Amino acid sequence: MSNITKIGELDLIGTKKGKITVSNVSEPYGKDTEDIVSVGIALNGEDIQWKAHIPYDNIDGVIELLQKAKELKK
């Protein structure tokens, strides 16, 4: 059974109450599966509408791509 531990949250810019929540999920896909990071978006600050599960080994690559997206938007 998976266990979710909240790491932190940010205000979602452009919304009145929206939040971005980052959590660790242990055993996300059943017994003995590797932990992942869950990034959730809640437009009302409570009910998550969108969620991404990212394996820890992919975090650096995702950060690089997010930085690239930010640079391209300038």
C-alpha atoms as a PDB file:
ATOM      1  CA  MET A   1       0.000   0.000   0.000  1.00  0.00           C
ATOM      2  CA  SER A   2       1.436   3.365  -0.976  1.00  0.00           C
ATOM      3  CA  ASN A   3       2.184   6.067   1.550  1.00  0.00           C
ATOM      4  CA  ILE A   4       2.147   9.754   0.553  1.00  0.00           C
ATOM      5  CA  THR A   5       4.346  12.275   2.362  1.00  0.00           C
ATOM      6  CA  LYS A   6       3.931  15.933   1.432  1.00  0.00           C
ATOM      7  CA  ILE A   7       7.268  17.651   0.776  1.00  0.00           C
ATOM      8  CA  GLY A   8       5.917  21.138   0.133  1.00  0.00           C
ATOM      9  CA  GLU A   9       3.583  23.351  -1.832  1.00  0.00           C
ATOM     10  CA  LEU A  10       3.596  26.571  -3.820  1.00  0.00           C
ATOM     11  CA  ASP A  11       0.902  29.026  -4.814  1.00  0.00           C
ATOM     12  CA  LEU A  12      -0.189  28.481  -8.416  1.00  0.00           C
ATOM     13  CA  ILE A  13       0.387  31.816 -10.143  1.00  0.00           C
ATOM     14  CA  GLY A  14      -2.605  33.073 -12.114  1.00  0.00           C
ATOM     15  CA  THR A  15      -5.206  31.543  -9.778  1.00  0.00           C
ATOM     16  CA  LYS A  16      -6.879  32.787  -6.617  1.00  0.00           C
ATOM     17  CA  LYS A  17      -6.470  29.639  -4.512  1.00  0.00           C
ATOM     18  CA  GLY A  18      -4.477  27.227  -6.682  1.00  0.00           C
ATOM     19  CA  LYS A  19      -1.601  25.164  -5.301  1.00  0.00           C
ATOM     20  CA  ILE A  20       1.239  23.064  -6.684  1.00  0.00           C
ATOM     21  CA  THR A  21       1.976  20.234  -4.266  1.00  0.00           C
ATOM     22  CA  VAL A  22       5.090  18.054  -4.302  1.00  0.00           C
ATOM     23  CA  SER A  23       4.971  14.736  -2.429  1.00  0.00           C
ATOM     24  CA  ASN A  24       6.907  11.494  -2.054  1.00  0.00           C
ATOM     25  CA  VAL A  25       4.904   8.350  -2.786  1.00  0.00           C
ATOM     26  CA  SER A  26       6.328   5.107  -1.445  1.00  0.00           C
ATOM     27  CA  GLU A  27       5.410   1.852  -3.199  1.00  0.00           C
ATOM     28  CA  PRO A  28       3.238   3.752  -5.724  1.00  0.00           C
ATOM     29  CA  TYR A  29       2.510   0.758  -7.959  1.00  0.00           C
ATOM     30  CA  GLY A  30       2.402  -1.984  -5.358  1.00  0.00           C
ATOM     31  CA  LYS A  31       4.731  -3.815  -2.989  1.00  0.00           C
ATOM     32  CA  ASP A  32       8.465  -3.299  -3.592  1.00  0.00           C
ATOM     33  CA  THR A  33       8.015  -0.635  -6.307  1.00  0.00           C
ATOM     34  CA  GLU A  34      10.402   2.330  -6.194  1.00  0.00           C
ATOM     35  CA  ASP A  35       9.355   5.633  -4.609  1.00  0.00           C
ATOM     36  CA  ILE A  36       8.343   8.453  -6.950  1.00  0.00           C
ATOM     37  CA  VAL A  37       7.752  12.177  -6.681  1.00  0.00           C
ATOM     38  CA  SER A  38       4.178  13.265  -7.265  1.00  0.00           C
ATOM     39  CA  VAL A  39       3.495  16.798  -8.509  1.00  0.00           C
ATOM     40  CA  GLY A  40      -0.144  17.760  -8.121  1.00  0.00           C
ATOM     41  CA  ILE A  41      -2.077  20.818  -9.273  1.00  0.00           C
ATOM     42  CA  ALA A  42      -5.188  21.912  -7.380  1.00  0.00           C
ATOM     43  CA  LEU A  43      -6.943  24.913  -8.908  1.00  0.00           C
ATOM     44  CA  ASN A  44      -9.034  25.416  -5.769  1.00  0.00           C
ATOM     45  CA  GLY A  45      -6.155  24.610  -3.424  1.00  0.00           C
ATOM     46  CA  GLU A  46      -7.665  21.295  -2.306  1.00  0.00           C
ATOM     47  CA  ASP A  47      -8.862  18.931  -5.043  1.00  0.00           C
ATOM     48  CA  ILE A  48      -6.048  17.819  -7.344  1.00  0.00           C
ATOM     49  CA  GLN A  49      -7.045  18.091 -11.009  1.00  0.00           C
ATOM     50  CA  TRP A  50      -3.672  17.128 -12.547  1.00  0.00           C
ATOM     51  CA  LYS A  51      -0.888  14.924 -11.287  1.00  0.00           C
ATOM     52  CA  ALA A  52       2.487  13.779 -12.607  1.00  0.00           C
ATOM     53  CA  HIS A  53       4.458  10.871 -11.155  1.00  0.00           C
ATOM     54  CA  ILE A  54       8.207  11.212 -11.682  1.00  0.00           C
ATOM     55  CA  PRO A  55      10.718   8.501 -10.756  1.00  0.00           C
ATOM     56  CA  TYR A  56      13.562   9.913  -8.669  1.00  0.00           C
ATOM     57  CA  ASP A  57      16.083   8.867 -11.340  1.00  0.00           C
ATOM     58  CA  ASN A  58      14.291  11.185 -13.820  1.00  0.00           C
ATOM     59  CA  ILE A  59      14.208  14.323 -11.642  1.00  0.00           C
ATOM     60  CA  ASP A  60      17.417  15.866 -13.004  1.00  0.00           C
ATOM     61  CA  GLY A  61      16.246  15.379 -16.592  1.00  0.00           C
ATOM     62  CA  VAL A  62      12.837  16.875 -15.837  1.00  0.00           C
ATOM     63  CA  ILE A  63      14.480  19.885 -14.163  1.00  0.00           C
ATOM     64  CA  GLU A  64      16.688  20.397 -17.230  1.00  0.00           C
ATOM     65  CA  LEU A  65      13.669  20.295 -19.538  1.00  0.00           C
ATOM     66  CA  LEU A  66      11.726  22.703 -17.325  1.00  0.00           C
ATOM     67  CA  GLN A  67      14.702  25.100 -17.348  1.00  0.00           C
ATOM     68  CA  LYS A  68      14.845  24.795 -21.149  1.00  0.00           C
ATOM     69  CA  ALA A  69      11.130  25.567 -21.390  1.00  0.00           C
ATOM     70  CA  LYS A  70      11.636  28.621 -19.187  1.00  0.00           C
ATOM     71  CA  GLU A  71      14.527  29.870 -21.337  1.00  0.00           C
ATOM     72  CA  LEU A  72      12.545  29.372 -24.550  1.00  0.00           C
ATOM     73  CA  LYS A  73       9.660  31.408 -23.106  1.00  0.00           C
ATOM     74  CA  LYS A  74      11.860  34.495 -22.494  1.00  0.00           C
END
